[in-house]
Amino acid sequence: MTYEMRMKDIREESLAEGEAKGRTEGKSEGIAEEKLRVAKLMLAKGSYSPQEIVELSGLSIDDIEKLKHDMHVEKQE
């Protein structure tokens, strides 16, 4: 195998790895955004306790409290 062919293979492998990593990170970000969206809807509905939202959304209690605070601030603006 020539040097140029080997370098091309390395570039292609690196590109494939980068694309796979990007897809994985994108999925993770999408899942996190959806969890926040659902938790926000649950808070807005007002019929769920923070602990229920934690159990159903998979978010931490700190995340829920921050979301509640942020929603309260948005309402005041």
C-alpha atoms as a PDB file:
ATOM      1  CA  MET A   1       0.000   0.000   0.000  1.00  0.00           C
ATOM      2  CA  THR A   2       1.352   3.380  -0.918  1.00  0.00           C
ATOM      3  CA  TYR A   3       1.735   6.242   1.506  1.00  0.00           C
ATOM      4  CA  GLU A   4      -1.039   8.202  -0.243  1.00  0.00           C
ATOM      5  CA  MET A   5      -3.432   5.248  -0.061  1.00  0.00           C
ATOM      6  CA  ARG A   6      -2.690   4.769   3.638  1.00  0.00           C
ATOM      7  CA  MET A   7      -3.245   8.463   4.347  1.00  0.00           C
ATOM      8  CA  LYS A   8      -6.545   8.333   2.451  1.00  0.00           C
ATOM      9  CA  ASP A   9      -7.639   5.319   4.528  1.00  0.00           C
ATOM     10  CA  ILE A  10      -6.706   7.127   7.739  1.00  0.00           C
ATOM     11  CA  ARG A  11      -8.682  10.228   6.681  1.00  0.00           C
ATOM     12  CA  GLU A  12     -11.721   8.119   5.797  1.00  0.00           C
ATOM     13  CA  GLU A  13     -11.540   6.236   9.103  1.00  0.00           C
ATOM     14  CA  SER A  14     -11.215   9.499  11.023  1.00  0.00           C
ATOM     15  CA  LEU A  15     -14.147  11.004   9.151  1.00  0.00           C
ATOM     16  CA  ALA A  16     -16.322   7.943   9.852  1.00  0.00           C
ATOM     17  CA  GLU A  17     -15.395   8.049  13.544  1.00  0.00           C
ATOM     18  CA  GLY A  18     -16.155  11.764  13.711  1.00  0.00           C
ATOM     19  CA  GLU A  19     -19.524  11.313  12.023  1.00  0.00           C
ATOM     20  CA  ALA A  20     -20.456   8.469  14.391  1.00  0.00           C
ATOM     21  CA  LYS A  21     -19.424  10.547  17.402  1.00  0.00           C
ATOM     22  CA  GLY A  22     -21.438  13.497  16.094  1.00  0.00           C
ATOM     23  CA  ARG A  23     -24.542  11.352  15.661  1.00  0.00           C
ATOM     24  CA  THR A  24     -24.178   9.957  19.169  1.00  0.00           C
ATOM     25  CA  GLU A  25     -23.724  13.427  20.670  1.00  0.00           C
ATOM     26  CA  GLY A  26     -26.660  14.744  18.652  1.00  0.00           C
ATOM     27  CA  LYS A  27     -28.908  11.952  19.901  1.00  0.00           C
ATOM     28  CA  SER A  28     -27.836  12.600  23.488  1.00  0.00           C
ATOM     29  CA  GLU A  29     -28.560  16.313  23.142  1.00  0.00           C
ATOM     30  CA  GLY A  30     -31.938  15.582  21.569  1.00  0.00           C
ATOM     31  CA  ILE A  31     -32.884  13.220  24.369  1.00  0.00           C
ATOM     32  CA  ALA A  32     -31.840  15.763  27.010  1.00  0.00           C
ATOM     33  CA  GLU A  33     -33.840  18.508  25.288  1.00  0.00           C
ATOM     34  CA  GLU A  34     -36.912  16.268  25.116  1.00  0.00           C
ATOM     35  CA  LYS A  35     -36.644  15.424  28.823  1.00  0.00           C
ATOM     36  CA  LEU A  36     -36.559  19.141  29.630  1.00  0.00           C
ATOM     37  CA  ARG A  37     -39.498  19.839  27.308  1.00  0.00           C
ATOM     38  CA  VAL A  38     -41.617  17.137  28.937  1.00  0.00           C
ATOM     39  CA  ALA A  39     -40.658  18.250  32.455  1.00  0.00           C
ATOM     40  CA  LYS A  40     -41.555  21.833  31.548  1.00  0.00           C
ATOM     41  CA  LEU A  41     -44.986  20.715  30.333  1.00  0.00           C
ATOM     42  CA  MET A  42     -45.515  18.715  33.518  1.00  0.00           C
ATOM     43  CA  LEU A  43     -44.591  21.719  35.656  1.00  0.00           C
ATOM     44  CA  ALA A  44     -46.869  23.991  33.647  1.00  0.00           C
ATOM     45  CA  LYS A  45     -49.764  21.582  34.076  1.00  0.00           C
ATOM     46  CA  GLY A  46     -49.310  21.878  37.834  1.00  0.00           C
ATOM     47  CA  SER A  47     -50.640  18.445  38.703  1.00  0.00           C
ATOM     48  CA  TYR A  48     -47.264  16.749  39.162  1.00  0.00           C
ATOM     49  CA  SER A  49     -44.972  17.062  42.156  1.00  0.00           C
ATOM     50  CA  PRO A  50     -41.277  17.671  41.557  1.00  0.00           C
ATOM     51  CA  GLN A  51     -40.564  14.128  42.780  1.00  0.00           C
ATOM     52  CA  GLU A  52     -43.040  12.659  40.264  1.00  0.00           C
ATOM     53  CA  ILE A  53     -41.397  14.661  37.488  1.00  0.00           C
ATOM     54  CA  VAL A  54     -37.984  13.345  38.570  1.00  0.00           C
ATOM     55  CA  GLU A  55     -39.277   9.772  38.455  1.00  0.00           C
ATOM     56  CA  LEU A  56     -41.013  10.154  35.097  1.00  0.00           C
ATOM     57  CA  SER A  57     -38.464  12.317  33.283  1.00  0.00           C
ATOM     58  CA  GLY A  58     -35.194  10.916  34.571  1.00  0.00           C
ATOM     59  CA  LEU A  59     -33.990  14.424  35.397  1.00  0.00           C
ATOM     60  CA  SER A  60     -32.503  15.276  38.780  1.00  0.00           C
ATOM     61  CA  ILE A  61     -34.364  17.224  41.437  1.00  0.00           C
ATOM     62  CA  ASP A  62     -31.829  20.032  40.892  1.00  0.00           C
ATOM     63  CA  ASP A  63     -32.747  20.108  37.191  1.00  0.00           C
ATOM     64  CA  ILE A  64     -36.447  20.339  38.064  1.00  0.00           C
ATOM     65  CA  GLU A  65     -35.907  23.116  40.608  1.00  0.00           C
ATOM     66  CA  LYS A  66     -33.795  25.091  38.116  1.00  0.00           C
ATOM     67  CA  LEU A  67     -36.450  24.600  35.455  1.00  0.00           C
ATOM     68  CA  LYS A  68     -39.146  25.815  37.865  1.00  0.00           C
ATOM     69  CA  HIS A  69     -37.051  28.865  38.666  1.00  0.00           C
ATOM     70  CA  ASP A  70     -36.382  29.601  34.988  1.00  0.00           C
ATOM     71  CA  MET A  71     -40.081  29.270  34.144  1.00  0.00           C
ATOM     72  CA  HIS A  72     -40.967  31.652  36.979  1.00  0.00           C
ATOM     73  CA  VAL A  73     -38.435  34.195  35.722  1.00  0.00           C
ATOM     74  CA  GLU A  74     -39.797  33.894  32.155  1.00  0.00           C
ATOM     75  CA  LYS A  75     -43.335  34.548  33.432  1.00  0.00           C
ATOM     76  CA  GLN A  76     -42.235  37.759  35.108  1.00  0.00           C
ATOM     77  CA  GLU A  77     -40.599  39.144  31.974  1.00  0.00           C
END
